[in-house]
Amino acid sequence: MQNNKVKQTASPRMMDKVGRSKARSISHTMSDDTRFKPLCPRCGELRCFIHIYAFVFALKTTRAALHGDRYIRGHWLSICPICDAYLLMREFTWSVPFYSPHDMAVICIADYGCVDATSVLEFGNLCFTPNALRGALEMLRKQTRPDGRDGDAIERLDRELLGPTGIPDDDSARAEWIAQLELLVVKWPERIGLAELDAAVRTIIEQVPNVEK
């Protein structure tokens, strides 16, 4: 099994210059395409989606070779859970989260094909696997310097992330967001602060395509 240690990089919202350059180069080689085909032309598997910053993180970690059968739609890249399994960190002790239309959930590569209702966590209406949440937490820990995120002071609510969760965009949104975090804290088997969990949940939500960011 490969060593899972990676060089420390910036967070998705504060990526280092190398990460941003890589993201821009990927964006420039692919374009939004209304002729998007849902099946991978290589193996016929249903395509999944990943936020471009998570894609760049995985690419820098695995140094995987890229194939050209890929679409970019807004901030999301299409990926194949079969052809891109190594890129998605299959050989590592944890892996990056991505959105699987097949499972209608945010998952990690180890989850693909074996997700059921008893194996998912929920944040509002959004389903995701424990592996996906662990991947988001590990990704953030690798990307950020210690900043006190182990406390309970969460960031200002980003209303653009509410859509996939089903949380109403009204005056009760922040209270419901915090309530959902508190429910998740109870279910998570390790001690974790609300601030760190909040950051990881935002990373999970960002994997769902069509979130306007």
N, C-alpha and C. Protein backbone atom coordinates (compact mmCIF):
# COMPACT_ATOMS: atom_id res chain seq x y z
N MET A 1 0.84 -1.20 0.00
CA MET A 1 0.00 0.00 0.00
C MET A 1 0.88 1.24 0.00
N GLN A 2 0.48 2.23 -0.75
CA GLN A 2 1.29 3.43 -0.86
C GLN A 2 1.27 4.25 0.40
N ASN A 3 2.34 5.01 0.60
CA ASN A 3 2.39 5.92 1.74
C ASN A 3 1.41 7.04 1.52
N ASN A 4 0.61 7.34 2.52
CA ASN A 4 -0.44 8.35 2.36
C ASN A 4 0.03 9.74 2.74
N LYS A 5 1.32 9.92 3.01
CA LYS A 5 1.81 11.23 3.38
C LYS A 5 1.96 12.09 2.14
N VAL A 6 1.47 13.30 2.22
CA VAL A 6 1.58 14.23 1.11
C VAL A 6 2.11 15.54 1.62
N LYS A 7 2.65 16.33 0.73
CA LYS A 7 3.13 17.65 1.10
C LYS A 7 1.97 18.54 1.47
N GLN A 8 2.19 19.41 2.45
CA GLN A 8 1.12 20.30 2.89
C GLN A 8 0.84 21.33 1.82
N THR A 9 -0.45 21.49 1.52
CA THR A 9 -0.86 22.45 0.51
C THR A 9 -1.85 23.41 1.12
N ALA A 10 -2.41 24.27 0.30
CA ALA A 10 -3.39 25.24 0.80
C ALA A 10 -4.76 24.61 0.80
N SER A 11 -5.73 25.28 1.45
CA SER A 11 -7.10 24.79 1.50
C SER A 11 -7.78 25.02 0.16
N PRO A 12 -8.95 24.36 -0.08
CA PRO A 12 -9.65 24.58 -1.33
C PRO A 12 -9.96 26.04 -1.59
N ARG A 13 -10.21 26.83 -0.54
CA ARG A 13 -10.55 28.24 -0.72
C ARG A 13 -9.31 29.12 -0.79
N MET A 14 -8.16 28.54 -0.44
CA MET A 14 -6.92 29.31 -0.45
C MET A 14 -5.81 28.45 -1.05
N MET A 15 -6.04 27.92 -2.24
CA MET A 15 -5.08 27.01 -2.84
C MET A 15 -3.77 27.72 -3.13
N ASP A 16 -2.67 26.97 -3.08
CA ASP A 16 -1.38 27.55 -3.40
C ASP A 16 -1.30 27.84 -4.90
N LYS A 17 -0.28 28.56 -5.31
CA LYS A 17 -0.17 28.99 -6.71
C LYS A 17 -0.07 27.80 -7.65
N VAL A 18 0.62 26.73 -7.21
CA VAL A 18 0.75 25.56 -8.07
C VAL A 18 -0.61 24.91 -8.29
N GLY A 19 -1.40 24.79 -7.20
CA GLY A 19 -2.73 24.18 -7.32
C GLY A 19 -3.64 24.99 -8.21
N ARG A 20 -3.63 26.31 -8.04
CA ARG A 20 -4.48 27.16 -8.87
C ARG A 20 -4.05 27.09 -10.33
N SER A 21 -2.75 27.04 -10.57
CA SER A 21 -2.25 26.96 -11.94
C SER A 21 -2.70 25.65 -12.58
N LYS A 22 -2.61 24.56 -11.82
CA LYS A 22 -3.04 23.27 -12.33
C LYS A 22 -4.53 23.28 -12.63
N ALA A 23 -5.32 23.86 -11.73
CA ALA A 23 -6.77 23.93 -11.94
C ALA A 23 -7.09 24.72 -13.19
N ARG A 24 -6.38 25.85 -13.38
CA ARG A 24 -6.64 26.67 -14.57
C ARG A 24 -6.26 25.92 -15.84
N SER A 25 -5.14 25.18 -15.80
CA SER A 25 -4.69 24.46 -16.99
C SER A 25 -5.69 23.38 -17.36
N ILE A 26 -6.28 22.72 -16.35
CA ILE A 26 -7.30 21.71 -16.62
C ILE A 26 -8.53 22.38 -17.23
N SER A 27 -8.93 23.51 -16.66
CA SER A 27 -10.11 24.22 -17.16
C SER A 27 -9.92 24.65 -18.60
N HIS A 28 -8.70 25.04 -18.95
CA HIS A 28 -8.45 25.54 -20.30
C HIS A 28 -8.42 24.42 -21.34
N THR A 29 -8.21 23.18 -20.90
CA THR A 29 -8.15 22.08 -21.85
C THR A 29 -9.49 21.38 -22.01
N MET A 30 -10.47 21.76 -21.22
CA MET A 30 -11.81 21.18 -21.31
C MET A 30 -12.83 22.30 -21.25
N SER A 31 -13.98 22.09 -21.79
CA SER A 31 -14.99 23.14 -21.77
C SER A 31 -16.35 22.55 -21.46
N ASP A 32 -17.26 23.40 -20.98
CA ASP A 32 -18.63 22.96 -20.76
C ASP A 32 -19.18 22.41 -22.06
N ASP A 33 -19.83 21.27 -22.00
CA ASP A 33 -20.27 20.61 -23.23
C ASP A 33 -21.70 20.12 -23.04
N THR A 34 -22.62 20.66 -23.84
CA THR A 34 -24.01 20.24 -23.74
C THR A 34 -24.20 18.83 -24.28
N ARG A 35 -23.20 18.29 -24.95
CA ARG A 35 -23.30 16.93 -25.49
C ARG A 35 -22.77 15.91 -24.50
N PHE A 36 -22.77 16.24 -23.24
CA PHE A 36 -22.26 15.36 -22.20
C PHE A 36 -22.91 13.98 -22.26
N LYS A 37 -22.08 12.96 -22.24
CA LYS A 37 -22.57 11.58 -22.25
C LYS A 37 -22.35 10.99 -20.87
N PRO A 38 -23.40 10.45 -20.24
CA PRO A 38 -23.31 10.01 -18.85
C PRO A 38 -22.46 8.78 -18.64
N LEU A 39 -22.20 8.00 -19.69
CA LEU A 39 -21.42 6.77 -19.54
C LEU A 39 -19.98 6.97 -20.00
N CYS A 40 -19.06 6.36 -19.28
CA CYS A 40 -17.65 6.43 -19.67
C CYS A 40 -17.45 5.72 -21.00
N PRO A 41 -16.85 6.39 -22.01
CA PRO A 41 -16.67 5.75 -23.31
C PRO A 41 -15.64 4.63 -23.28
N ARG A 42 -14.86 4.56 -22.22
CA ARG A 42 -13.85 3.51 -22.13
C ARG A 42 -14.41 2.20 -21.59
N CYS A 43 -15.23 2.29 -20.52
CA CYS A 43 -15.69 1.06 -19.87
C CYS A 43 -17.20 0.97 -19.75
N GLY A 44 -17.92 2.05 -20.06
CA GLY A 44 -19.38 2.03 -19.99
C GLY A 44 -19.96 2.29 -18.63
N GLU A 45 -19.10 2.60 -17.64
CA GLU A 45 -19.59 2.86 -16.28
C GLU A 45 -20.20 4.27 -16.21
N LEU A 46 -21.17 4.45 -15.33
CA LEU A 46 -21.78 5.76 -15.14
C LEU A 46 -20.75 6.72 -14.57
N ARG A 47 -20.63 7.88 -15.19
CA ARG A 47 -19.65 8.87 -14.72
C ARG A 47 -20.07 9.45 -13.38
N CYS A 48 -19.07 9.85 -12.61
CA CYS A 48 -19.28 10.57 -11.36
C CYS A 48 -18.69 11.97 -11.52
N PHE A 49 -18.80 12.80 -10.47
CA PHE A 49 -18.28 14.16 -10.53
C PHE A 49 -17.48 14.48 -9.28
N ILE A 50 -16.50 15.35 -9.46
CA ILE A 50 -15.66 15.79 -8.36
C ILE A 50 -15.36 17.28 -8.54
N HIS A 51 -15.33 18.02 -7.44
CA HIS A 51 -14.98 19.44 -7.52
C HIS A 51 -13.54 19.56 -7.99
N ILE A 52 -13.25 20.55 -8.79
CA ILE A 52 -11.94 20.66 -9.41
C ILE A 52 -10.80 20.75 -8.39
N TYR A 53 -11.04 21.37 -7.23
CA TYR A 53 -9.98 21.48 -6.24
C TYR A 53 -9.69 20.13 -5.59
N ALA A 54 -10.72 19.31 -5.38
CA ALA A 54 -10.50 17.95 -4.87
C ALA A 54 -9.78 17.11 -5.93
N PHE A 55 -10.13 17.35 -7.18
CA PHE A 55 -9.46 16.65 -8.29
C PHE A 55 -7.97 16.99 -8.31
N VAL A 56 -7.66 18.27 -8.19
CA VAL A 56 -6.26 18.70 -8.19
C VAL A 56 -5.52 18.11 -6.99
N PHE A 57 -6.17 18.10 -5.83
CA PHE A 57 -5.54 17.51 -4.65
C PHE A 57 -5.20 16.04 -4.90
N ALA A 58 -6.15 15.28 -5.45
CA ALA A 58 -5.92 13.87 -5.73
C ALA A 58 -4.83 13.68 -6.78
N LEU A 59 -4.84 14.54 -7.79
CA LEU A 59 -3.85 14.44 -8.86
C LEU A 59 -2.44 14.70 -8.32
N LYS A 60 -2.30 15.70 -7.47
CA LYS A 60 -1.00 16.01 -6.88
C LYS A 60 -0.54 14.91 -5.93
N THR A 61 -1.50 14.26 -5.26
CA THR A 61 -1.17 13.21 -4.30
C THR A 61 -0.75 11.92 -5.01
N THR A 62 -1.51 11.53 -6.02
CA THR A 62 -1.28 10.24 -6.68
C THR A 62 -0.33 10.32 -7.87
N ARG A 63 -0.23 11.53 -8.46
CA ARG A 63 0.54 11.70 -9.71
C ARG A 63 0.05 10.71 -10.79
N ALA A 64 -1.25 10.50 -10.80
CA ALA A 64 -1.85 9.56 -11.75
C ALA A 64 -1.78 10.12 -13.17
N ALA A 65 -1.67 9.22 -14.13
CA ALA A 65 -1.72 9.61 -15.54
C ALA A 65 -3.17 9.93 -15.90
N LEU A 66 -3.37 10.97 -16.69
CA LEU A 66 -4.71 11.38 -17.07
C LEU A 66 -5.06 10.91 -18.47
N HIS A 67 -6.30 10.53 -18.65
CA HIS A 67 -6.81 10.24 -19.99
C HIS A 67 -7.66 11.41 -20.44
N GLY A 68 -8.00 11.48 -21.71
CA GLY A 68 -8.68 12.65 -22.25
C GLY A 68 -10.19 12.59 -22.22
N ASP A 69 -10.75 11.46 -21.79
CA ASP A 69 -12.20 11.28 -21.82
C ASP A 69 -12.83 11.91 -20.59
N ARG A 70 -12.90 13.25 -20.58
CA ARG A 70 -13.35 13.93 -19.38
C ARG A 70 -14.08 15.21 -19.77
N TYR A 71 -15.08 15.56 -18.99
CA TYR A 71 -15.82 16.81 -19.19
C TYR A 71 -15.64 17.70 -17.97
N ILE A 72 -15.70 18.99 -18.20
CA ILE A 72 -15.77 19.92 -17.09
C ILE A 72 -17.08 20.68 -17.20
N ARG A 73 -17.79 20.75 -16.09
CA ARG A 73 -19.08 21.44 -16.06
C ARG A 73 -19.05 22.38 -14.86
N GLY A 74 -18.88 23.66 -15.13
CA GLY A 74 -18.72 24.61 -14.04
C GLY A 74 -17.44 24.33 -13.27
N HIS A 75 -17.56 24.05 -11.96
CA HIS A 75 -16.39 23.75 -11.14
C HIS A 75 -16.18 22.25 -10.95
N TRP A 76 -16.88 21.42 -11.75
CA TRP A 76 -16.81 19.98 -11.54
C TRP A 76 -16.28 19.27 -12.77
N LEU A 77 -15.51 18.22 -12.50
CA LEU A 77 -14.96 17.38 -13.55
C LEU A 77 -15.63 16.01 -13.51
N SER A 78 -15.85 15.45 -14.67
CA SER A 78 -16.36 14.08 -14.70
C SER A 78 -15.21 13.12 -14.41
N ILE A 79 -15.53 12.05 -13.71
CA ILE A 79 -14.56 11.01 -13.40
C ILE A 79 -15.24 9.67 -13.57
N CYS A 80 -14.46 8.66 -13.85
CA CYS A 80 -14.99 7.30 -13.95
C CYS A 80 -14.48 6.51 -12.74
N PRO A 81 -15.37 5.94 -11.95
CA PRO A 81 -14.92 5.20 -10.76
C PRO A 81 -14.13 3.95 -11.09
N ILE A 82 -14.17 3.51 -12.33
CA ILE A 82 -13.38 2.35 -12.75
C ILE A 82 -12.04 2.80 -13.33
N CYS A 83 -12.10 3.62 -14.38
CA CYS A 83 -10.87 4.05 -15.06
C CYS A 83 -10.03 4.99 -14.20
N ASP A 84 -10.67 5.75 -13.31
CA ASP A 84 -9.96 6.72 -12.48
C ASP A 84 -9.77 6.24 -11.04
N ALA A 85 -9.89 4.95 -10.81
CA ALA A 85 -9.83 4.44 -9.44
C ALA A 85 -8.52 4.80 -8.75
N TYR A 86 -7.40 4.69 -9.47
CA TYR A 86 -6.12 5.04 -8.85
C TYR A 86 -6.05 6.54 -8.56
N LEU A 87 -6.49 7.36 -9.51
CA LEU A 87 -6.53 8.80 -9.30
C LEU A 87 -7.37 9.15 -8.08
N LEU A 88 -8.43 8.42 -7.84
CA LEU A 88 -9.31 8.68 -6.72
C LEU A 88 -8.78 8.09 -5.41
N MET A 89 -7.50 7.69 -5.43
CA MET A 89 -6.75 7.27 -4.24
C MET A 89 -7.19 5.92 -3.70
N ARG A 90 -7.50 4.99 -4.61
CA ARG A 90 -7.91 3.64 -4.20
C ARG A 90 -6.83 2.94 -3.39
N GLU A 91 -5.55 3.22 -3.69
CA GLU A 91 -4.45 2.52 -3.04
C GLU A 91 -4.00 3.19 -1.74
N PHE A 92 -4.71 4.20 -1.30
CA PHE A 92 -4.31 4.94 -0.11
C PHE A 92 -5.19 4.56 1.08
N THR A 93 -4.76 4.94 2.27
CA THR A 93 -5.52 4.59 3.48
C THR A 93 -6.80 5.40 3.61
N TRP A 94 -6.90 6.51 2.92
CA TRP A 94 -8.14 7.29 2.82
C TRP A 94 -8.16 7.91 1.44
N SER A 95 -9.29 8.41 1.02
CA SER A 95 -9.38 8.93 -0.34
C SER A 95 -10.32 10.12 -0.41
N VAL A 96 -10.21 10.86 -1.51
CA VAL A 96 -10.98 12.09 -1.67
C VAL A 96 -12.46 11.77 -1.92
N PRO A 97 -13.34 12.62 -1.44
CA PRO A 97 -14.77 12.43 -1.71
C PRO A 97 -15.15 12.89 -3.11
N PHE A 98 -16.19 12.29 -3.66
CA PHE A 98 -16.74 12.71 -4.95
C PHE A 98 -18.21 12.33 -4.98
N TYR A 99 -18.94 12.90 -5.96
CA TYR A 99 -20.38 12.64 -6.04
C TYR A 99 -20.67 11.52 -7.02
N SER A 100 -21.44 10.54 -6.56
CA SER A 100 -21.82 9.40 -7.38
C SER A 100 -23.32 9.45 -7.70
N PRO A 101 -23.69 9.74 -8.96
CA PRO A 101 -25.12 9.70 -9.33
C PRO A 101 -25.73 8.31 -9.13
N HIS A 102 -24.92 7.28 -9.32
CA HIS A 102 -25.40 5.91 -9.13
C HIS A 102 -25.91 5.70 -7.70
N ASP A 103 -25.19 6.24 -6.73
CA ASP A 103 -25.55 6.09 -5.32
C ASP A 103 -26.34 7.27 -4.78
N MET A 104 -26.43 8.35 -5.59
CA MET A 104 -27.08 9.59 -5.17
C MET A 104 -26.52 10.04 -3.82
N ALA A 105 -25.20 9.98 -3.72
CA ALA A 105 -24.52 10.32 -2.48
C ALA A 105 -23.08 10.72 -2.78
N VAL A 106 -22.48 11.42 -1.82
CA VAL A 106 -21.05 11.70 -1.89
C VAL A 106 -20.33 10.53 -1.23
N ILE A 107 -19.39 9.96 -1.95
CA ILE A 107 -18.74 8.73 -1.50
C ILE A 107 -17.22 8.84 -1.70
N CYS A 108 -16.52 7.80 -1.33
CA CYS A 108 -15.12 7.61 -1.69
C CYS A 108 -15.02 6.36 -2.55
N ILE A 109 -13.89 6.16 -3.18
CA ILE A 109 -13.76 5.07 -4.13
C ILE A 109 -13.99 3.70 -3.47
N ALA A 110 -13.64 3.56 -2.20
CA ALA A 110 -13.86 2.29 -1.51
C ALA A 110 -15.34 1.97 -1.35
N ASP A 111 -16.19 2.98 -1.43
CA ASP A 111 -17.64 2.79 -1.25
C ASP A 111 -18.35 2.40 -2.53
N TYR A 112 -17.73 2.63 -3.67
CA TYR A 112 -18.46 2.51 -4.93
C TYR A 112 -18.98 1.09 -5.12
N GLY A 113 -20.28 1.00 -5.37
CA GLY A 113 -20.91 -0.28 -5.62
C GLY A 113 -21.38 -1.00 -4.36
N CYS A 114 -21.15 -0.41 -3.19
CA CYS A 114 -21.57 -1.09 -1.96
C CYS A 114 -22.21 -0.13 -0.96
N VAL A 115 -22.89 0.91 -1.48
CA VAL A 115 -23.57 1.87 -0.62
C VAL A 115 -25.02 1.45 -0.46
N ASP A 116 -25.50 1.44 0.79
CA ASP A 116 -26.92 1.21 1.03
C ASP A 116 -27.41 2.18 2.10
N ALA A 117 -28.69 2.15 2.34
CA ALA A 117 -29.30 3.13 3.25
C ALA A 117 -28.75 3.06 4.66
N THR A 118 -28.25 1.91 5.06
CA THR A 118 -27.73 1.76 6.42
C THR A 118 -26.29 2.22 6.56
N SER A 119 -25.65 2.51 5.43
CA SER A 119 -24.23 2.83 5.48
C SER A 119 -23.94 4.31 5.24
N VAL A 120 -24.97 5.15 5.21
CA VAL A 120 -24.75 6.56 4.91
C VAL A 120 -25.09 7.45 6.10
N LEU A 121 -24.43 8.61 6.12
CA LEU A 121 -24.76 9.68 7.05
C LEU A 121 -25.58 10.70 6.29
N GLU A 122 -26.24 11.60 7.02
CA GLU A 122 -27.05 12.62 6.37
C GLU A 122 -26.77 13.98 6.97
N PHE A 123 -26.82 14.98 6.10
CA PHE A 123 -26.80 16.37 6.54
C PHE A 123 -27.97 17.02 5.83
N GLY A 124 -29.08 17.17 6.53
CA GLY A 124 -30.31 17.55 5.85
C GLY A 124 -30.71 16.41 4.93
N ASN A 125 -30.91 16.70 3.65
CA ASN A 125 -31.28 15.68 2.67
C ASN A 125 -30.08 15.09 1.94
N LEU A 126 -28.89 15.59 2.21
CA LEU A 126 -27.70 15.12 1.49
C LEU A 126 -27.12 13.88 2.17
N CYS A 127 -26.95 12.83 1.39
CA CYS A 127 -26.36 11.59 1.90
C CYS A 127 -24.89 11.51 1.54
N PHE A 128 -24.11 10.97 2.45
CA PHE A 128 -22.68 10.74 2.19
C PHE A 128 -22.21 9.62 3.10
N THR A 129 -21.13 8.99 2.73
CA THR A 129 -20.63 7.86 3.50
C THR A 129 -19.65 8.33 4.57
N PRO A 130 -19.47 7.54 5.62
CA PRO A 130 -18.45 7.85 6.61
C PRO A 130 -17.06 7.99 5.99
N ASN A 131 -16.76 7.16 4.98
CA ASN A 131 -15.47 7.27 4.30
C ASN A 131 -15.31 8.62 3.61
N ALA A 132 -16.41 9.13 3.04
CA ALA A 132 -16.35 10.43 2.37
C ALA A 132 -16.07 11.53 3.37
N LEU A 133 -16.73 11.47 4.53
CA LEU A 133 -16.50 12.48 5.55
C LEU A 133 -15.08 12.38 6.09
N ARG A 134 -14.59 11.16 6.30
CA ARG A 134 -13.22 11.00 6.76
C ARG A 134 -12.24 11.54 5.71
N GLY A 135 -12.52 11.28 4.44
CA GLY A 135 -11.67 11.81 3.38
C GLY A 135 -11.64 13.32 3.37
N ALA A 136 -12.81 13.94 3.56
CA ALA A 136 -12.88 15.40 3.60
C ALA A 136 -12.09 15.94 4.79
N LEU A 137 -12.21 15.29 5.94
CA LEU A 137 -11.46 15.72 7.13
C LEU A 137 -9.96 15.60 6.91
N GLU A 138 -9.52 14.48 6.36
CA GLU A 138 -8.09 14.28 6.12
C GLU A 138 -7.57 15.25 5.08
N MET A 139 -8.36 15.50 4.06
CA MET A 139 -7.96 16.44 3.02
C MET A 139 -7.73 17.82 3.61
N LEU A 140 -8.66 18.27 4.45
CA LEU A 140 -8.54 19.58 5.07
C LEU A 140 -7.35 19.64 6.02
N ARG A 141 -7.10 18.55 6.74
CA ARG A 141 -5.97 18.53 7.67
C ARG A 141 -4.65 18.61 6.92
N LYS A 142 -4.58 18.02 5.74
CA LYS A 142 -3.36 18.09 4.94
C LYS A 142 -3.18 19.46 4.31
N GLN A 143 -4.29 20.16 4.07
CA GLN A 143 -4.24 21.41 3.33
C GLN A 143 -4.06 22.64 4.18
N THR A 144 -4.36 22.56 5.46
CA THR A 144 -4.37 23.76 6.28
C THR A 144 -3.36 23.69 7.41
N ARG A 145 -2.93 24.85 7.83
CA ARG A 145 -2.10 24.95 9.02
C ARG A 145 -3.01 25.04 10.24
N PRO A 146 -2.51 24.65 11.42
CA PRO A 146 -3.36 24.75 12.62
C PRO A 146 -3.89 26.17 12.79
N ASP A 147 -5.21 26.30 12.98
CA ASP A 147 -5.81 27.63 13.06
C ASP A 147 -6.91 27.69 14.11
N GLY A 148 -6.90 26.72 15.03
CA GLY A 148 -7.94 26.73 16.04
C GLY A 148 -9.24 26.13 15.57
N ARG A 149 -9.22 25.42 14.45
CA ARG A 149 -10.45 24.87 13.91
C ARG A 149 -11.01 23.73 14.76
N ASP A 150 -10.29 23.34 15.82
CA ASP A 150 -10.81 22.29 16.67
C ASP A 150 -11.85 22.82 17.65
N GLY A 151 -12.18 24.09 17.59
CA GLY A 151 -13.19 24.68 18.46
C GLY A 151 -14.58 24.53 17.87
N ASP A 152 -15.52 25.37 18.36
CA ASP A 152 -16.91 25.29 17.94
C ASP A 152 -17.38 26.51 17.16
N ALA A 153 -16.48 27.45 16.87
CA ALA A 153 -16.87 28.65 16.14
C ALA A 153 -16.86 28.35 14.64
N ILE A 154 -18.03 28.21 14.05
CA ILE A 154 -18.10 27.87 12.63
C ILE A 154 -18.07 29.14 11.78
N GLU A 155 -17.78 28.95 10.50
CA GLU A 155 -17.71 30.06 9.57
C GLU A 155 -19.12 30.63 9.32
N ARG A 156 -19.13 31.80 8.71
CA ARG A 156 -20.39 32.39 8.31
C ARG A 156 -21.09 31.47 7.32
N LEU A 157 -22.40 31.34 7.46
CA LEU A 157 -23.15 30.43 6.61
C LEU A 157 -23.08 30.86 5.15
N ASP A 158 -22.68 29.92 4.30
CA ASP A 158 -22.65 30.16 2.86
C ASP A 158 -23.96 29.63 2.28
N ARG A 159 -24.88 30.52 1.97
CA ARG A 159 -26.22 30.11 1.53
C ARG A 159 -26.19 29.41 0.18
N GLU A 160 -25.12 29.57 -0.58
CA GLU A 160 -25.03 28.88 -1.86
C GLU A 160 -24.84 27.37 -1.69
N LEU A 161 -24.52 26.94 -0.47
CA LEU A 161 -24.34 25.52 -0.20
C LEU A 161 -25.61 24.86 0.33
N LEU A 162 -26.67 25.62 0.51
CA LEU A 162 -27.88 25.07 1.12
C LEU A 162 -28.63 24.13 0.18
N GLY A 163 -28.58 24.40 -1.11
CA GLY A 163 -29.39 23.65 -2.08
C GLY A 163 -29.35 22.14 -1.92
N PRO A 164 -28.16 21.51 -2.00
CA PRO A 164 -28.10 20.04 -1.90
C PRO A 164 -28.56 19.48 -0.56
N THR A 165 -28.60 20.32 0.48
CA THR A 165 -28.97 19.84 1.81
C THR A 165 -30.47 19.88 2.05
N GLY A 166 -31.19 20.67 1.26
CA GLY A 166 -32.62 20.83 1.48
C GLY A 166 -32.97 21.76 2.62
N ILE A 167 -31.95 22.38 3.22
CA ILE A 167 -32.22 23.34 4.30
C ILE A 167 -32.82 24.61 3.69
N PRO A 168 -33.98 25.05 4.15
CA PRO A 168 -34.61 26.24 3.55
C PRO A 168 -33.72 27.48 3.69
N ASP A 169 -33.69 28.26 2.64
CA ASP A 169 -32.89 29.49 2.64
C ASP A 169 -33.73 30.62 3.24
N ASP A 170 -33.83 30.60 4.57
CA ASP A 170 -34.59 31.64 5.25
C ASP A 170 -33.90 31.98 6.57
N ASP A 171 -34.59 32.67 7.45
CA ASP A 171 -33.97 33.11 8.70
C ASP A 171 -33.59 31.96 9.63
N SER A 172 -34.15 30.80 9.40
CA SER A 172 -33.85 29.66 10.26
C SER A 172 -32.67 28.83 9.76
N ALA A 173 -32.09 29.22 8.62
CA ALA A 173 -31.07 28.39 7.97
C ALA A 173 -29.86 28.13 8.87
N ARG A 174 -29.32 29.16 9.49
CA ARG A 174 -28.13 28.97 10.31
C ARG A 174 -28.41 28.06 11.50
N ALA A 175 -29.54 28.25 12.15
CA ALA A 175 -29.89 27.41 13.29
C ALA A 175 -30.03 25.95 12.87
N GLU A 176 -30.66 25.72 11.71
CA GLU A 176 -30.82 24.35 11.23
C GLU A 176 -29.48 23.76 10.82
N TRP A 177 -28.61 24.58 10.22
CA TRP A 177 -27.26 24.12 9.84
C TRP A 177 -26.51 23.63 11.08
N ILE A 178 -26.54 24.42 12.13
CA ILE A 178 -25.85 24.05 13.37
C ILE A 178 -26.48 22.81 13.99
N ALA A 179 -27.81 22.72 13.94
CA ALA A 179 -28.49 21.54 14.47
C ALA A 179 -28.06 20.27 13.74
N GLN A 180 -27.91 20.37 12.41
CA GLN A 180 -27.46 19.23 11.62
C GLN A 180 -26.02 18.84 11.99
N LEU A 181 -25.17 19.85 12.22
CA LEU A 181 -23.80 19.57 12.65
C LEU A 181 -23.79 18.86 14.00
N GLU A 182 -24.63 19.30 14.91
CA GLU A 182 -24.67 18.69 16.25
C GLU A 182 -25.14 17.24 16.18
N LEU A 183 -26.08 16.95 15.29
CA LEU A 183 -26.52 15.57 15.10
C LEU A 183 -25.38 14.71 14.56
N LEU A 184 -24.60 15.28 13.67
CA LEU A 184 -23.48 14.56 13.07
C LEU A 184 -22.37 14.31 14.09
N VAL A 185 -22.14 15.27 14.97
CA VAL A 185 -21.14 15.09 16.02
C VAL A 185 -21.47 13.87 16.88
N VAL A 186 -22.74 13.70 17.20
CA VAL A 186 -23.17 12.56 18.02
C VAL A 186 -22.91 11.24 17.31
N LYS A 187 -23.09 11.21 15.99
CA LYS A 187 -22.94 9.98 15.22
C LYS A 187 -21.48 9.66 14.90
N TRP A 188 -20.62 10.68 14.90
CA TRP A 188 -19.23 10.46 14.50
C TRP A 188 -18.49 9.76 15.63
N PRO A 189 -17.73 8.70 15.34
CA PRO A 189 -17.13 7.90 16.41
C PRO A 189 -15.93 8.54 17.11
N GLU A 190 -15.42 9.64 16.58
CA GLU A 190 -14.26 10.29 17.18
C GLU A 190 -14.65 11.67 17.69
N ARG A 191 -13.88 12.14 18.65
CA ARG A 191 -14.12 13.48 19.15
C ARG A 191 -13.76 14.50 18.07
N ILE A 192 -14.65 15.44 17.85
CA ILE A 192 -14.42 16.43 16.79
C ILE A 192 -15.16 17.72 17.14
N GLY A 193 -14.54 18.85 16.86
CA GLY A 193 -15.17 20.13 17.11
C GLY A 193 -16.12 20.51 15.98
N LEU A 194 -17.08 21.36 16.29
CA LEU A 194 -18.04 21.79 15.28
C LEU A 194 -17.37 22.51 14.12
N ALA A 195 -16.32 23.29 14.41
CA ALA A 195 -15.68 24.07 13.35
C ALA A 195 -15.02 23.15 12.32
N GLU A 196 -14.31 22.13 12.79
CA GLU A 196 -13.67 21.20 11.86
C GLU A 196 -14.70 20.40 11.09
N LEU A 197 -15.74 19.97 11.77
CA LEU A 197 -16.80 19.22 11.10
C LEU A 197 -17.52 20.09 10.08
N ASP A 198 -17.74 21.34 10.41
CA ASP A 198 -18.38 22.29 9.49
C ASP A 198 -17.57 22.43 8.21
N ALA A 199 -16.25 22.57 8.35
CA ALA A 199 -15.39 22.70 7.17
C ALA A 199 -15.44 21.44 6.31
N ALA A 200 -15.47 20.28 6.95
CA ALA A 200 -15.53 19.02 6.20
C ALA A 200 -16.86 18.85 5.49
N VAL A 201 -17.95 19.23 6.16
CA VAL A 201 -19.28 19.14 5.54
C VAL A 201 -19.35 20.05 4.31
N ARG A 202 -18.77 21.23 4.40
CA ARG A 202 -18.76 22.13 3.25
C ARG A 202 -18.00 21.50 2.08
N THR A 203 -16.90 20.82 2.39
CA THR A 203 -16.14 20.12 1.34
C THR A 203 -16.98 19.02 0.72
N ILE A 204 -17.74 18.31 1.54
CA ILE A 204 -18.65 17.27 1.04
C ILE A 204 -19.67 17.87 0.09
N ILE A 205 -20.32 18.94 0.53
CA ILE A 205 -21.38 19.57 -0.28
C ILE A 205 -20.82 20.08 -1.61
N GLU A 206 -19.60 20.58 -1.58
CA GLU A 206 -18.99 21.14 -2.79
C GLU A 206 -18.75 20.09 -3.87
N GLN A 207 -18.82 18.82 -3.53
CA GLN A 207 -18.64 17.76 -4.54
C GLN A 207 -19.89 17.56 -5.39
N VAL A 208 -21.02 18.09 -4.93
CA VAL A 208 -22.28 17.90 -5.65
C VAL A 208 -22.36 18.91 -6.79
N PRO A 209 -22.46 18.48 -8.03
CA PRO A 209 -22.49 19.44 -9.15
C PRO A 209 -23.69 20.36 -9.12
N ASN A 210 -23.48 21.55 -9.74
CA ASN A 210 -24.51 22.58 -9.87
C ASN A 210 -24.66 23.44 -8.64
N VAL A 211 -23.77 23.30 -7.67
CA VAL A 211 -23.70 24.29 -6.59
C VAL A 211 -22.97 25.49 -7.16
N GLU A 212 -23.60 26.64 -7.20
CA GLU A 212 -22.98 27.82 -7.79
C GLU A 212 -21.98 28.42 -6.82
N LYS A 213 -20.70 28.31 -7.17
CA LYS A 213 -19.63 28.85 -6.33
C LYS A 213 -18.77 29.79 -7.15
